[in-house]
Each structure stands twice: as C-alpha cells, then as structure tokens.
C-alpha cells in the first residue's frame, strides 16, 4: 500500500486538512493498517496536488488548506483498489512467530500469553468502536464503512487470541509428554 492511496481513500470520504488526515492516521490507521506522520503526509499532499489527484477546496486560518479528491484521484484510487495485491506482506508480529523456536518453552509461553492479553484488549476496544459507529449511523445514508474495517479488526484480534490459546494448549501437551 502506498501513502498516496491511503490519503486518496481518506479524502474520498470527505475533504480534509493535512492536520485532519494526520489525526485520522494516528487515531485509526496507524495501529492496524498504516503509519504515517506529518513529515510524510504533507509532502505527499503537495505531490498529489501537482499530479492533479487532489485539489485545494478551502483555506483556513494560518494558511491551512483543505484538500478534496479530484476525478483523476478517484479514478486512481479505484484502479488501485481493483489491482491485485502483489507486494509481500510485512508483519513484525508474524516474524516473531516464525522465530519462536529461538526461545525456550517457558519464554514461548510468556510471549504467546501476551498475544492473548493484547488481542483481548484490542478486541474490547474494537467492540466499543463498533458500538460508537453503529450509534452514529443515520438511516438512509450510505453504510458506515468504518464499521467494516472495525469488524475485520475485531475478527482478526479474535483469530489471534484463538491461535494463541491453541498454541498454549500445544505447549502444555509437549510439556506433559516430556515430563512422562
């Protein structure tokens, strides 16, 4: 995924300032999908405006600019959304799982137990977010697509928790068989 496409997707929702976009990354995207700070967002917005993917649709105090997506930007986003993903997935968490054999069983159990704790905490936060999204939804308006992403996140956290519980049971079986 590119920062450009993330910004286009956020601007397709509604026009926003660079500050607004930074806040949305910080509050909802950076933990689960993509991290980007001011230092990356503002230069990319300038490039996107130069490429006619976005345009300034308003100016506020102290020269702040509100950006909106252009027809060309909408077409670019749509093309990207329908292009098959070919980039390799990067996940530090999954890498750690591949390297569990480097730890002794006690440390592995500790690490896997932490996966359960974090997954349960994240799932609880996502359940609250889903409730807020549903409470704010207005009948007759387009579906609250943030709900789709939050539901994916919730199910992903539950999957991680379930995997970690399974892994603990497997570690317990191995411990029992080596004690015999």
N, C-alpha and C. Protein backbone atom coordinates (compact mmCIF):
# COMPACT_ATOMS: atom_id res chain seq x y z
N UNK A 1 0.85 -1.17 0.00
CA UNK A 1 0.00 0.00 0.00
C UNK A 1 0.89 1.22 0.00
N UNK A 2 0.43 2.22 -0.65
CA UNK A 2 1.20 3.46 -0.65
C UNK A 2 0.47 4.51 0.17
N UNK A 3 1.22 5.40 0.70
CA UNK A 3 0.65 6.52 1.43
C UNK A 3 -0.33 7.28 0.54
N UNK A 4 0.04 7.42 -0.71
CA UNK A 4 -0.80 8.13 -1.67
C UNK A 4 -2.22 7.55 -1.71
N UNK A 5 -2.31 6.25 -1.76
CA UNK A 5 -3.62 5.62 -1.87
C UNK A 5 -4.40 5.71 -0.56
N UNK A 6 -3.69 5.64 0.55
CA UNK A 6 -4.35 5.82 1.84
C UNK A 6 -4.95 7.23 1.93
N UNK A 7 -4.18 8.22 1.52
CA UNK A 7 -4.68 9.60 1.55
C UNK A 7 -5.86 9.79 0.60
N UNK A 8 -5.76 9.21 -0.59
CA UNK A 8 -6.89 9.31 -1.53
C UNK A 8 -8.14 8.69 -0.93
N UNK A 9 -7.99 7.55 -0.29
CA UNK A 9 -9.13 6.90 0.33
C UNK A 9 -9.76 7.73 1.43
N UNK A 10 -8.93 8.36 2.24
CA UNK A 10 -9.46 9.21 3.31
C UNK A 10 -10.13 10.46 2.73
N UNK A 11 -9.55 11.01 1.67
CA UNK A 11 -10.14 12.20 1.06
C UNK A 11 -11.40 11.87 0.26
N UNK A 12 -11.54 10.61 -0.16
CA UNK A 12 -12.77 10.21 -0.84
C UNK A 12 -13.96 10.26 0.12
N UNK A 13 -13.67 10.09 1.40
CA UNK A 13 -14.70 10.21 2.44
C UNK A 13 -15.24 11.62 2.53
N UNK A 14 -14.29 12.57 2.62
CA UNK A 14 -14.65 13.98 2.76
C UNK A 14 -13.39 14.83 2.64
N UNK A 15 -13.52 16.07 2.20
CA UNK A 15 -12.34 16.97 2.17
C UNK A 15 -11.78 17.15 3.58
N UNK A 16 -10.46 17.24 3.66
CA UNK A 16 -9.80 17.36 4.96
C UNK A 16 -8.50 18.14 4.83
N UNK A 17 -8.05 18.66 5.95
CA UNK A 17 -6.75 19.33 6.00
C UNK A 17 -5.67 18.28 6.26
N UNK A 18 -4.43 18.67 6.09
CA UNK A 18 -3.32 17.79 6.42
C UNK A 18 -3.36 17.39 7.88
N UNK A 19 -3.73 18.33 8.74
CA UNK A 19 -3.85 18.04 10.17
C UNK A 19 -4.93 16.99 10.41
N UNK A 20 -6.09 17.16 9.76
CA UNK A 20 -7.18 16.18 9.91
C UNK A 20 -6.73 14.80 9.48
N UNK A 21 -6.01 14.74 8.37
CA UNK A 21 -5.52 13.45 7.85
C UNK A 21 -4.53 12.82 8.83
N UNK A 22 -3.65 13.64 9.39
CA UNK A 22 -2.68 13.13 10.37
C UNK A 22 -3.40 12.55 11.58
N UNK A 23 -4.44 13.23 12.03
CA UNK A 23 -5.22 12.74 13.17
C UNK A 23 -5.90 11.42 12.85
N UNK A 24 -6.44 11.30 11.65
CA UNK A 24 -7.11 10.04 11.28
C UNK A 24 -6.12 8.89 11.22
N UNK A 25 -4.92 9.17 10.73
CA UNK A 25 -3.89 8.12 10.73
C UNK A 25 -3.58 7.71 12.16
N UNK A 26 -3.37 8.71 13.00
CA UNK A 26 -2.99 8.46 14.38
C UNK A 26 -4.08 7.71 15.14
N UNK A 27 -5.34 8.10 14.94
CA UNK A 27 -6.44 7.54 15.72
C UNK A 27 -6.94 6.20 15.21
N UNK A 28 -6.87 5.97 13.91
CA UNK A 28 -7.50 4.74 13.44
C UNK A 28 -6.63 3.86 12.55
N UNK A 29 -5.74 4.45 11.78
CA UNK A 29 -4.99 3.63 10.82
C UNK A 29 -3.65 3.13 11.33
N UNK A 30 -2.96 3.93 12.12
CA UNK A 30 -1.56 3.59 12.40
C UNK A 30 -1.39 2.32 13.21
N UNK A 31 -2.31 1.98 14.06
CA UNK A 31 -2.15 0.75 14.86
C UNK A 31 -2.42 -0.51 14.05
N UNK A 32 -3.38 -0.44 13.13
CA UNK A 32 -3.83 -1.65 12.46
C UNK A 32 -3.49 -1.73 10.97
N UNK A 33 -3.23 -0.61 10.33
CA UNK A 33 -3.07 -0.68 8.87
C UNK A 33 -1.81 0.01 8.36
N UNK A 34 -1.62 1.26 8.70
CA UNK A 34 -0.55 2.02 8.07
C UNK A 34 -0.18 3.19 8.97
N UNK A 35 1.11 3.40 9.16
CA UNK A 35 1.57 4.53 9.97
C UNK A 35 2.13 5.61 9.05
N UNK A 36 1.73 6.83 9.31
CA UNK A 36 2.28 7.98 8.58
C UNK A 36 2.16 9.21 9.48
N UNK A 37 3.23 9.94 9.58
CA UNK A 37 3.24 11.16 10.37
C UNK A 37 3.21 12.40 9.49
N UNK A 38 3.18 13.57 10.14
CA UNK A 38 3.17 14.85 9.43
C UNK A 38 4.26 14.93 8.37
N UNK A 39 5.45 14.46 8.74
CA UNK A 39 6.61 14.57 7.86
C UNK A 39 6.46 13.81 6.55
N UNK A 40 5.56 12.86 6.51
CA UNK A 40 5.30 12.12 5.29
C UNK A 40 4.03 12.61 4.59
N UNK A 41 3.04 12.98 5.38
CA UNK A 41 1.73 13.34 4.81
C UNK A 41 1.80 14.64 4.02
N UNK A 42 2.36 15.68 4.59
CA UNK A 42 2.35 16.99 3.91
C UNK A 42 3.11 16.98 2.57
N UNK A 43 4.31 16.39 2.51
CA UNK A 43 4.98 16.34 1.20
C UNK A 43 4.18 15.54 0.16
N UNK A 44 3.55 14.45 0.62
CA UNK A 44 2.76 13.64 -0.31
C UNK A 44 1.55 14.41 -0.82
N UNK A 45 0.92 15.20 0.05
CA UNK A 45 -0.22 16.02 -0.39
C UNK A 45 0.21 16.99 -1.49
N UNK A 46 1.39 17.58 -1.35
CA UNK A 46 1.90 18.50 -2.38
C UNK A 46 2.10 17.78 -3.70
N UNK A 47 2.69 16.57 -3.65
CA UNK A 47 2.90 15.79 -4.87
C UNK A 47 1.57 15.41 -5.51
N UNK A 48 0.63 15.04 -4.69
CA UNK A 48 -0.68 14.61 -5.20
C UNK A 48 -1.41 15.78 -5.86
N UNK A 49 -1.27 16.96 -5.28
CA UNK A 49 -1.89 18.15 -5.89
C UNK A 49 -1.22 18.45 -7.23
N UNK A 50 0.10 18.32 -7.28
CA UNK A 50 0.83 18.55 -8.53
C UNK A 50 0.44 17.53 -9.60
N UNK A 51 0.06 16.33 -9.18
CA UNK A 51 -0.35 15.27 -10.11
C UNK A 51 -1.85 15.33 -10.42
N UNK A 52 -2.55 16.36 -9.93
CA UNK A 52 -3.98 16.55 -10.14
C UNK A 52 -4.83 15.41 -9.58
N UNK A 53 -4.37 14.80 -8.48
CA UNK A 53 -5.16 13.77 -7.81
C UNK A 53 -6.04 14.37 -6.72
N UNK A 54 -5.58 15.51 -6.19
CA UNK A 54 -6.34 16.26 -5.19
C UNK A 54 -6.25 17.73 -5.53
N UNK A 55 -7.11 18.52 -4.91
CA UNK A 55 -7.07 19.97 -5.11
C UNK A 55 -7.43 20.65 -3.80
N UNK A 56 -7.00 21.88 -3.68
CA UNK A 56 -7.37 22.68 -2.51
C UNK A 56 -8.80 23.14 -2.72
N UNK A 57 -9.66 22.79 -1.75
CA UNK A 57 -11.08 23.17 -1.85
C UNK A 57 -11.47 24.22 -0.82
N UNK A 58 -10.51 24.60 0.01
CA UNK A 58 -10.76 25.63 1.01
C UNK A 58 -9.49 26.00 1.73
N UNK A 59 -9.47 27.22 2.26
CA UNK A 59 -8.32 27.66 3.05
C UNK A 59 -8.83 28.21 4.35
N UNK A 60 -8.08 27.89 5.42
CA UNK A 60 -8.49 28.32 6.74
C UNK A 60 -7.48 29.25 7.37
N UNK A 61 -7.57 29.33 8.66
CA UNK A 61 -6.67 30.21 9.42
C UNK A 61 -5.23 29.76 9.26
N UNK A 62 -4.34 30.70 9.31
CA UNK A 62 -2.89 30.46 9.24
C UNK A 62 -2.50 29.67 8.00
N UNK A 63 -3.26 29.83 6.92
CA UNK A 63 -2.89 29.20 5.66
C UNK A 63 -3.18 27.72 5.56
N UNK A 64 -3.97 27.17 6.49
CA UNK A 64 -4.28 25.74 6.38
C UNK A 64 -5.12 25.50 5.14
N UNK A 65 -4.87 24.38 4.49
CA UNK A 65 -5.57 24.06 3.25
C UNK A 65 -6.41 22.82 3.46
N UNK A 66 -7.61 22.87 2.92
CA UNK A 66 -8.48 21.70 2.93
C UNK A 66 -8.43 21.10 1.54
N UNK A 67 -8.12 19.81 1.49
CA UNK A 67 -7.96 19.11 0.21
C UNK A 67 -9.18 18.25 -0.07
N UNK A 68 -9.50 18.17 -1.35
CA UNK A 68 -10.54 17.27 -1.81
C UNK A 68 -9.99 16.44 -2.95
N UNK A 69 -10.59 15.28 -3.15
CA UNK A 69 -10.13 14.39 -4.21
C UNK A 69 -10.72 14.84 -5.54
N UNK A 70 -9.95 14.73 -6.61
CA UNK A 70 -10.40 15.10 -7.95
C UNK A 70 -10.94 13.85 -8.65
N UNK A 71 -11.52 14.06 -9.83
CA UNK A 71 -11.98 12.90 -10.63
C UNK A 71 -10.80 11.98 -10.94
N UNK A 72 -9.68 12.59 -11.28
CA UNK A 72 -8.49 11.78 -11.58
C UNK A 72 -8.04 11.01 -10.34
N UNK A 73 -8.12 11.64 -9.17
CA UNK A 73 -7.77 10.96 -7.93
C UNK A 73 -8.72 9.81 -7.61
N UNK A 74 -10.00 10.02 -7.86
CA UNK A 74 -10.98 8.96 -7.65
C UNK A 74 -10.70 7.78 -8.58
N UNK A 75 -10.37 8.08 -9.83
CA UNK A 75 -10.04 7.01 -10.79
C UNK A 75 -8.78 6.27 -10.35
N UNK A 76 -7.78 6.99 -9.88
CA UNK A 76 -6.53 6.38 -9.40
C UNK A 76 -6.81 5.46 -8.21
N UNK A 77 -7.62 5.93 -7.27
CA UNK A 77 -7.96 5.12 -6.10
C UNK A 77 -8.71 3.86 -6.51
N UNK A 78 -9.67 4.01 -7.38
CA UNK A 78 -10.46 2.87 -7.84
C UNK A 78 -9.57 1.85 -8.55
N UNK A 79 -8.68 2.31 -9.40
CA UNK A 79 -7.76 1.41 -10.09
C UNK A 79 -6.90 0.65 -9.10
N UNK A 80 -6.38 1.36 -8.12
CA UNK A 80 -5.55 0.72 -7.10
C UNK A 80 -6.35 -0.31 -6.30
N UNK A 81 -7.59 0.03 -5.94
CA UNK A 81 -8.42 -0.88 -5.16
C UNK A 81 -8.67 -2.19 -5.90
N UNK A 82 -8.78 -2.14 -7.23
CA UNK A 82 -9.08 -3.33 -8.02
C UNK A 82 -7.83 -4.02 -8.58
N UNK A 83 -6.66 -3.47 -8.32
CA UNK A 83 -5.43 -4.10 -8.79
C UNK A 83 -5.02 -5.18 -7.80
N UNK A 84 -4.74 -6.38 -8.30
CA UNK A 84 -4.35 -7.45 -7.37
C UNK A 84 -3.12 -7.05 -6.55
N UNK A 85 -3.15 -7.43 -5.30
CA UNK A 85 -2.04 -7.13 -4.40
C UNK A 85 -0.85 -8.03 -4.77
N UNK A 86 0.28 -7.42 -5.05
CA UNK A 86 1.46 -8.21 -5.37
C UNK A 86 2.62 -7.95 -4.42
N UNK A 87 2.46 -6.96 -3.54
CA UNK A 87 3.53 -6.65 -2.60
C UNK A 87 3.54 -7.69 -1.48
N UNK A 88 4.73 -8.13 -1.05
CA UNK A 88 4.78 -9.09 0.05
C UNK A 88 4.29 -8.45 1.35
N UNK A 89 3.63 -9.26 2.14
CA UNK A 89 3.13 -8.76 3.43
C UNK A 89 4.29 -8.63 4.40
N UNK A 90 4.29 -7.58 5.18
CA UNK A 90 5.29 -7.39 6.22
C UNK A 90 4.57 -7.32 7.55
N UNK A 91 4.97 -8.17 8.46
CA UNK A 91 4.37 -8.15 9.79
C UNK A 91 5.41 -8.57 10.80
N UNK A 92 5.77 -7.64 11.65
CA UNK A 92 6.74 -7.94 12.69
C UNK A 92 6.20 -9.01 13.64
N UNK A 93 4.89 -8.98 13.88
CA UNK A 93 4.28 -9.98 14.77
C UNK A 93 4.41 -11.38 14.19
N UNK A 94 4.15 -11.53 12.90
CA UNK A 94 4.25 -12.84 12.26
C UNK A 94 5.72 -13.29 12.23
N UNK A 95 6.63 -12.37 12.00
CA UNK A 95 8.05 -12.71 12.03
C UNK A 95 8.44 -13.30 13.39
N UNK A 96 7.93 -12.71 14.45
CA UNK A 96 8.22 -13.23 15.80
C UNK A 96 7.74 -14.67 15.93
N UNK A 97 6.58 -14.98 15.33
CA UNK A 97 6.05 -16.34 15.42
C UNK A 97 6.97 -17.32 14.70
N UNK A 98 7.52 -16.90 13.57
CA UNK A 98 8.45 -17.77 12.85
C UNK A 98 9.71 -18.03 13.66
N UNK A 99 10.03 -17.14 14.57
CA UNK A 99 11.26 -17.25 15.34
C UNK A 99 11.05 -17.79 16.76
N UNK A 100 9.86 -18.31 17.06
CA UNK A 100 9.59 -18.83 18.40
C UNK A 100 10.56 -19.94 18.80
N UNK A 101 11.07 -20.69 17.83
CA UNK A 101 11.98 -21.78 18.16
C UNK A 101 13.29 -21.27 18.78
N UNK A 102 13.54 -19.99 18.69
CA UNK A 102 14.75 -19.42 19.29
C UNK A 102 14.60 -19.26 20.81
N UNK A 103 13.37 -19.40 21.31
CA UNK A 103 13.12 -19.23 22.74
C UNK A 103 12.95 -20.59 23.41
N UNK A 104 13.18 -20.60 24.73
CA UNK A 104 12.85 -21.84 25.45
C UNK A 104 11.34 -21.88 25.66
N UNK A 105 10.77 -23.05 25.97
CA UNK A 105 9.31 -23.19 26.08
C UNK A 105 8.66 -22.22 27.08
N UNK A 106 9.34 -21.94 28.19
CA UNK A 106 8.78 -21.02 29.18
C UNK A 106 8.63 -19.61 28.58
N UNK A 107 9.67 -19.14 27.89
CA UNK A 107 9.61 -17.83 27.25
C UNK A 107 8.57 -17.81 26.12
N UNK A 108 8.49 -18.92 25.39
CA UNK A 108 7.48 -19.01 24.32
C UNK A 108 6.09 -18.86 24.91
N UNK A 109 5.85 -19.57 26.03
CA UNK A 109 4.55 -19.49 26.70
C UNK A 109 4.26 -18.05 27.13
N UNK A 110 5.24 -17.36 27.68
CA UNK A 110 5.07 -15.97 28.11
C UNK A 110 4.70 -15.09 26.92
N UNK A 111 5.44 -15.24 25.84
CA UNK A 111 5.17 -14.43 24.65
C UNK A 111 3.78 -14.71 24.08
N UNK A 112 3.41 -15.97 23.99
CA UNK A 112 2.10 -16.34 23.45
C UNK A 112 0.99 -15.86 24.38
N UNK A 113 1.21 -15.91 25.68
CA UNK A 113 0.22 -15.40 26.64
C UNK A 113 0.01 -13.90 26.45
N UNK A 114 1.09 -13.18 26.11
CA UNK A 114 0.96 -11.75 25.83
C UNK A 114 0.12 -11.50 24.59
N UNK A 115 0.21 -12.40 23.60
CA UNK A 115 -0.64 -12.28 22.41
C UNK A 115 -2.10 -12.33 22.82
N UNK A 116 -2.45 -13.24 23.73
CA UNK A 116 -3.83 -13.35 24.21
C UNK A 116 -4.26 -12.05 24.87
N UNK A 117 -3.43 -11.54 25.77
CA UNK A 117 -3.78 -10.31 26.50
C UNK A 117 -3.98 -9.13 25.56
N UNK A 118 -3.05 -8.95 24.62
CA UNK A 118 -3.16 -7.83 23.69
C UNK A 118 -4.37 -7.98 22.77
N UNK A 119 -4.60 -9.19 22.30
CA UNK A 119 -5.73 -9.43 21.40
C UNK A 119 -7.05 -9.16 22.11
N UNK A 120 -7.15 -9.60 23.35
CA UNK A 120 -8.39 -9.36 24.10
C UNK A 120 -8.61 -7.87 24.36
N UNK A 121 -7.54 -7.16 24.69
CA UNK A 121 -7.66 -5.72 24.93
C UNK A 121 -8.05 -4.98 23.64
N UNK A 122 -7.39 -5.33 22.54
CA UNK A 122 -7.72 -4.70 21.26
C UNK A 122 -9.14 -5.04 20.83
N UNK A 123 -9.55 -6.29 21.04
CA UNK A 123 -10.92 -6.69 20.67
C UNK A 123 -11.94 -5.90 21.47
N UNK A 124 -11.68 -5.68 22.75
CA UNK A 124 -12.60 -4.90 23.58
C UNK A 124 -12.71 -3.46 23.06
N UNK A 125 -11.58 -2.87 22.69
CA UNK A 125 -11.59 -1.51 22.15
C UNK A 125 -12.34 -1.46 20.82
N UNK A 126 -12.17 -2.47 20.01
CA UNK A 126 -12.87 -2.50 18.72
C UNK A 126 -14.37 -2.71 18.90
N UNK A 127 -14.77 -3.50 19.89
CA UNK A 127 -16.21 -3.65 20.17
C UNK A 127 -16.82 -2.30 20.55
N UNK A 128 -16.10 -1.52 21.34
CA UNK A 128 -16.58 -0.18 21.70
C UNK A 128 -16.66 0.72 20.47
N UNK A 129 -15.64 0.65 19.61
CA UNK A 129 -15.65 1.45 18.38
C UNK A 129 -16.84 1.07 17.50
N UNK A 130 -17.12 -0.21 17.40
CA UNK A 130 -18.26 -0.68 16.60
C UNK A 130 -19.56 -0.13 17.17
N UNK A 131 -19.70 -0.15 18.47
CA UNK A 131 -20.91 0.40 19.10
C UNK A 131 -21.05 1.89 18.78
N UNK A 132 -19.94 2.63 18.84
CA UNK A 132 -19.97 4.06 18.53
C UNK A 132 -20.34 4.31 17.07
N UNK A 133 -19.77 3.51 16.19
CA UNK A 133 -20.06 3.66 14.76
C UNK A 133 -21.53 3.38 14.50
N UNK A 134 -22.04 2.32 15.09
CA UNK A 134 -23.45 1.97 14.89
C UNK A 134 -24.38 3.02 15.49
N UNK A 135 -24.01 3.58 16.64
CA UNK A 135 -24.84 4.61 17.27
C UNK A 135 -24.89 5.88 16.42
N UNK A 136 -23.80 6.18 15.73
CA UNK A 136 -23.74 7.40 14.91
C UNK A 136 -24.34 7.22 13.52
N UNK A 137 -24.59 5.98 13.11
CA UNK A 137 -25.11 5.72 11.76
C UNK A 137 -26.52 6.29 11.62
N UNK A 138 -26.75 6.93 10.50
CA UNK A 138 -28.06 7.52 10.21
C UNK A 138 -28.79 6.66 9.19
N UNK A 139 -30.03 6.30 9.46
CA UNK A 139 -30.79 5.52 8.48
C UNK A 139 -30.88 6.26 7.15
N UNK A 140 -30.74 5.52 6.07
CA UNK A 140 -30.86 6.11 4.74
C UNK A 140 -29.57 6.65 4.17
N UNK A 141 -28.54 6.80 4.99
CA UNK A 141 -27.25 7.25 4.50
C UNK A 141 -26.44 6.04 4.03
N UNK A 142 -25.34 6.32 3.32
CA UNK A 142 -24.51 5.20 2.88
C UNK A 142 -23.99 4.45 4.11
N UNK A 143 -23.72 3.16 3.95
CA UNK A 143 -23.28 2.37 5.11
C UNK A 143 -22.02 2.95 5.74
N UNK A 144 -21.89 2.82 7.05
CA UNK A 144 -20.68 3.30 7.72
C UNK A 144 -19.54 2.31 7.47
N UNK A 145 -18.77 2.57 6.42
CA UNK A 145 -17.73 1.63 6.02
C UNK A 145 -16.64 1.46 7.07
N UNK A 146 -16.50 2.41 7.97
CA UNK A 146 -15.56 2.23 9.08
C UNK A 146 -15.96 1.01 9.90
N UNK A 147 -17.24 0.71 9.92
CA UNK A 147 -17.74 -0.47 10.63
C UNK A 147 -17.16 -1.74 10.01
N UNK A 148 -17.04 -1.77 8.69
CA UNK A 148 -16.47 -2.94 8.01
C UNK A 148 -15.03 -3.16 8.46
N UNK A 149 -14.25 -2.10 8.48
CA UNK A 149 -12.85 -2.20 8.90
C UNK A 149 -12.75 -2.59 10.37
N UNK A 150 -13.60 -2.00 11.20
CA UNK A 150 -13.57 -2.33 12.63
C UNK A 150 -13.96 -3.79 12.85
N UNK A 151 -14.94 -4.27 12.10
CA UNK A 151 -15.34 -5.67 12.22
C UNK A 151 -14.21 -6.60 11.78
N UNK A 152 -13.52 -6.24 10.71
CA UNK A 152 -12.36 -7.02 10.29
C UNK A 152 -11.32 -7.06 11.41
N UNK A 153 -11.04 -5.88 11.98
CA UNK A 153 -10.08 -5.80 13.08
C UNK A 153 -10.49 -6.66 14.26
N UNK A 154 -11.77 -6.62 14.61
CA UNK A 154 -12.27 -7.41 15.72
C UNK A 154 -12.07 -8.90 15.44
N UNK A 155 -12.45 -9.33 14.26
CA UNK A 155 -12.31 -10.75 13.92
C UNK A 155 -10.84 -11.16 13.86
N UNK A 156 -9.98 -10.26 13.40
CA UNK A 156 -8.55 -10.54 13.36
C UNK A 156 -8.00 -10.71 14.78
N UNK A 157 -8.42 -9.85 15.69
CA UNK A 157 -7.97 -9.96 17.08
C UNK A 157 -8.47 -11.26 17.70
N UNK A 158 -9.72 -11.62 17.41
CA UNK A 158 -10.25 -12.87 17.93
C UNK A 158 -9.50 -14.06 17.36
N UNK A 159 -9.13 -13.98 16.10
CA UNK A 159 -8.34 -15.04 15.47
C UNK A 159 -6.99 -15.18 16.16
N UNK A 160 -6.33 -14.06 16.43
CA UNK A 160 -5.03 -14.11 17.11
C UNK A 160 -5.17 -14.71 18.51
N UNK A 161 -6.22 -14.30 19.22
CA UNK A 161 -6.46 -14.86 20.56
C UNK A 161 -6.68 -16.37 20.48
N UNK A 162 -7.53 -16.79 19.55
CA UNK A 162 -7.83 -18.22 19.41
C UNK A 162 -6.56 -19.01 19.05
N UNK A 163 -5.75 -18.45 18.14
CA UNK A 163 -4.50 -19.13 17.78
C UNK A 163 -3.60 -19.25 19.01
N UNK A 164 -3.47 -18.17 19.77
CA UNK A 164 -2.57 -18.19 20.93
C UNK A 164 -3.07 -19.17 21.99
N UNK A 165 -4.38 -19.27 22.17
CA UNK A 165 -4.92 -20.25 23.12
C UNK A 165 -4.60 -21.67 22.66
N UNK A 166 -4.72 -21.91 21.35
CA UNK A 166 -4.35 -23.20 20.79
C UNK A 166 -2.86 -23.48 21.03
N UNK A 167 -2.02 -22.47 20.77
CA UNK A 167 -0.58 -22.64 20.94
C UNK A 167 -0.23 -22.98 22.38
N UNK A 168 -0.90 -22.36 23.33
CA UNK A 168 -0.66 -22.66 24.76
C UNK A 168 -1.03 -24.13 25.04
N UNK A 169 -2.15 -24.57 24.50
CA UNK A 169 -2.55 -25.98 24.69
C UNK A 169 -1.49 -26.93 24.09
N UNK A 170 -0.96 -26.56 22.94
CA UNK A 170 0.09 -27.39 22.31
C UNK A 170 1.35 -27.41 23.17
N UNK A 171 1.72 -26.25 23.71
CA UNK A 171 2.88 -26.19 24.60
C UNK A 171 2.64 -27.05 25.85
N UNK A 172 1.41 -27.00 26.37
CA UNK A 172 1.08 -27.80 27.55
C UNK A 172 1.16 -29.29 27.23
N UNK A 173 0.70 -29.68 26.03
CA UNK A 173 0.80 -31.10 25.62
C UNK A 173 2.25 -31.53 25.54
N UNK A 174 3.09 -30.68 24.93
CA UNK A 174 4.51 -31.01 24.82
C UNK A 174 5.16 -31.11 26.19
N UNK A 175 4.78 -30.22 27.10
CA UNK A 175 5.35 -30.24 28.44
C UNK A 175 4.94 -31.52 29.16
N UNK A 176 3.70 -31.95 28.97
CA UNK A 176 3.20 -33.16 29.60
C UNK A 176 3.92 -34.40 29.05
N UNK A 177 4.13 -34.43 27.72
CA UNK A 177 4.77 -35.60 27.10
C UNK A 177 6.26 -35.69 27.46
N UNK A 178 6.93 -34.56 27.68
CA UNK A 178 8.36 -34.61 28.04
C UNK A 178 8.54 -34.89 29.53
N UNK A 179 7.50 -34.61 30.33
CA UNK A 179 7.57 -34.91 31.77
C UNK A 179 7.38 -36.39 32.05
N UNK A 180 6.76 -37.11 31.10
CA UNK A 180 6.47 -38.54 31.31
C UNK A 180 7.69 -39.40 31.21
